[in-house]
Amino acid sequence: MQKPTESELTILHLLWKMGPSTVREINDVLNEAGRGQRVTEVGYTTTLKLMQIMFEKGLVDREEDGRTHRYRALAGERDTKKLLLQNFVDTAFKGSAMELVLQALGNHKASEDELEQIKALIASIEEEQAKK
């Protein structure tokens, strides 16, 4: 799977949330979300071109319904996040997940609940590794 751009990722988020959608539906939601936030309106042809590129990249599929196309995400949300995170860790932290975690915890005051979830995740990972 190819890495989506920021704009493509925004569209993927909408497709994951809304399910199969037309370019018009996606464009309307993009423009509704930007209202009142000093964001320039996204033109229909811009959204159309982005979704055509996403189709060529294999991020979405489309089904013809008369003159309209209904697009659906081919890239799964979990797999996409995994790919983006791995690229980020590789690029920003030279592949060190530990440095990423230390940086994140150093820049963010974790709540008690978050700390408990982190401890549970560590225990789960340790348990999995002990089985190997």
Protein backbone atom coordinates (compact mmCIF):
# COMPACT_ATOMS: atom_id res chain seq x y z
CA MET A 1 0.00 0.00 0.00
CA GLN A 2 1.22 3.48 -0.83
CA LYS A 3 1.43 6.09 1.89
CA PRO A 4 -1.46 8.56 1.62
CA THR A 5 -0.81 12.30 1.61
CA GLU A 6 -2.41 14.46 4.30
CA SER A 7 -5.30 15.40 1.98
CA GLU A 8 -5.81 11.77 0.97
CA LEU A 9 -5.80 10.74 4.62
CA THR A 10 -8.55 13.28 5.34
CA ILE A 11 -10.68 11.69 2.60
CA LEU A 12 -9.90 8.18 3.87
CA HIS A 13 -11.09 9.20 7.35
CA LEU A 14 -14.38 10.34 5.82
CA LEU A 15 -14.78 7.13 3.82
CA TRP A 16 -14.05 5.02 6.91
CA LYS A 17 -16.69 6.98 8.83
CA MET A 18 -19.34 7.40 6.11
CA GLY A 19 -18.83 4.27 4.06
CA PRO A 20 -19.03 4.31 0.24
CA SER A 21 -19.62 7.88 -0.92
CA THR A 22 -19.72 10.04 -4.02
CA VAL A 23 -17.26 12.85 -4.71
CA ARG A 24 -20.07 15.35 -4.08
CA GLU A 25 -20.83 13.85 -0.65
CA ILE A 26 -17.16 13.92 0.36
CA ASN A 27 -16.72 17.46 -0.98
CA ASP A 28 -19.78 18.69 0.90
CA VAL A 29 -18.49 17.25 4.21
CA LEU A 30 -15.01 18.70 3.62
CA ASN A 31 -16.49 22.15 3.07
CA GLU A 32 -18.92 21.86 5.99
CA ALA A 33 -16.05 20.94 8.33
CA GLY A 34 -14.04 23.96 7.17
CA ARG A 35 -16.78 26.57 7.63
CA GLY A 36 -16.04 29.12 10.30
CA GLN A 37 -12.40 28.05 10.58
CA ARG A 38 -10.89 30.39 8.01
CA VAL A 39 -10.32 27.44 5.72
CA THR A 40 -10.61 28.03 2.00
CA GLU A 41 -13.47 26.10 0.44
CA VAL A 42 -12.39 22.97 -1.39
CA GLY A 43 -13.54 22.93 -4.99
CA TYR A 44 -15.43 19.94 -6.36
CA THR A 45 -12.85 19.40 -9.11
CA THR A 46 -10.05 19.36 -6.51
CA THR A 47 -11.82 16.64 -4.53
CA LEU A 48 -12.56 14.73 -7.75
CA LYS A 49 -8.90 14.86 -8.83
CA LEU A 50 -7.70 13.74 -5.38
CA MET A 51 -10.09 10.80 -5.38
CA GLN A 52 -9.05 9.83 -8.93
CA ILE A 53 -5.40 9.84 -7.81
CA MET A 54 -6.35 7.76 -4.77
CA PHE A 55 -8.04 5.28 -7.13
CA GLU A 56 -4.88 5.08 -9.25
CA LYS A 57 -2.78 4.53 -6.10
CA GLY A 58 -5.08 1.72 -4.95
CA LEU A 59 -6.24 3.53 -1.81
CA VAL A 60 -9.89 3.52 -2.93
CA ASP A 61 -12.11 1.60 -5.30
CA ARG A 62 -15.03 3.02 -7.23
CA GLU A 63 -18.28 1.66 -8.49
CA GLU A 64 -20.15 3.28 -11.35
CA ASP A 65 -23.73 4.19 -10.65
CA GLY A 66 -24.97 5.85 -13.82
CA ARG A 67 -22.91 9.00 -14.28
CA THR A 68 -21.67 9.05 -10.70
CA HIS A 69 -18.97 7.03 -9.02
CA ARG A 70 -19.27 5.74 -5.50
CA TYR A 71 -15.87 5.46 -3.82
CA ARG A 72 -14.97 3.16 -0.94
CA ALA A 73 -11.75 2.88 1.01
CA LEU A 74 -9.55 -0.09 0.07
CA ALA A 75 -6.93 0.91 2.58
CA GLY A 76 -8.00 -0.29 6.02
CA GLU A 77 -7.90 2.20 8.87
CA ARG A 78 -5.75 -0.01 11.10
CA ASP A 79 -3.25 -0.92 8.34
CA THR A 80 -2.98 2.71 7.24
CA LYS A 81 -2.30 3.94 10.77
CA LYS A 82 0.27 1.17 11.23
CA LEU A 83 2.07 2.17 8.01
CA LEU A 84 2.04 5.88 8.86
CA LEU A 85 3.25 5.26 12.39
CA GLN A 86 6.07 2.98 11.20
CA ASN A 87 7.15 5.60 8.64
CA PHE A 88 7.06 8.27 11.35
CA VAL A 89 9.07 6.18 13.83
CA ASP A 90 11.60 5.28 11.13
CA THR A 91 11.98 8.87 9.97
CA ALA A 92 11.71 10.93 13.14
CA PHE A 93 13.12 8.48 15.70
CA LYS A 94 15.50 6.38 13.56
CA GLY A 95 13.32 3.34 14.12
CA SER A 96 13.30 3.56 17.93
CA ALA A 97 9.82 3.01 19.37
CA MET A 98 11.28 3.62 22.82
CA GLU A 99 12.38 7.14 21.86
CA LEU A 100 8.90 7.84 20.47
CA VAL A 101 7.24 6.71 23.72
CA LEU A 102 9.68 8.63 25.90
CA GLN A 103 9.17 11.77 23.81
CA ALA A 104 5.39 11.41 23.90
CA LEU A 105 5.29 10.85 27.66
CA GLY A 106 7.77 13.67 28.26
CA ASN A 107 5.63 16.16 26.34
CA HIS A 108 2.27 15.07 27.69
CA LYS A 109 1.03 14.69 31.25
CA ALA A 110 -0.55 11.25 31.20
CA SER A 111 -3.65 10.68 33.31
CA GLU A 112 -3.83 7.81 35.81
CA ASP A 113 -6.10 5.95 33.38
CA GLU A 114 -3.64 6.41 30.51
CA LEU A 115 -0.77 5.18 32.70
CA GLU A 116 -2.79 2.09 33.67
CA GLN A 117 -3.51 1.39 29.99
CA ILE A 118 0.20 1.76 29.15
CA LYS A 119 1.13 -0.64 31.97
CA ALA A 120 -1.46 -3.16 30.75
CA LEU A 121 -0.09 -2.89 27.20
CA ILE A 122 3.47 -3.46 28.41
CA ALA A 123 2.34 -6.48 30.44
CA SER A 124 0.54 -7.87 27.39
CA ILE A 125 3.62 -7.41 25.18
CA GLU A 126 5.85 -9.06 27.80
CA GLU A 127 3.41 -11.97 28.04
CA GLU A 128 3.42 -12.43 24.25
CA GLN A 129 7.22 -12.35 24.10
CA ALA A 130 7.49 -14.89 26.94
CA LYS A 131 5.39 -17.31 24.84
CA LYS A 132 7.88 -17.17 21.95
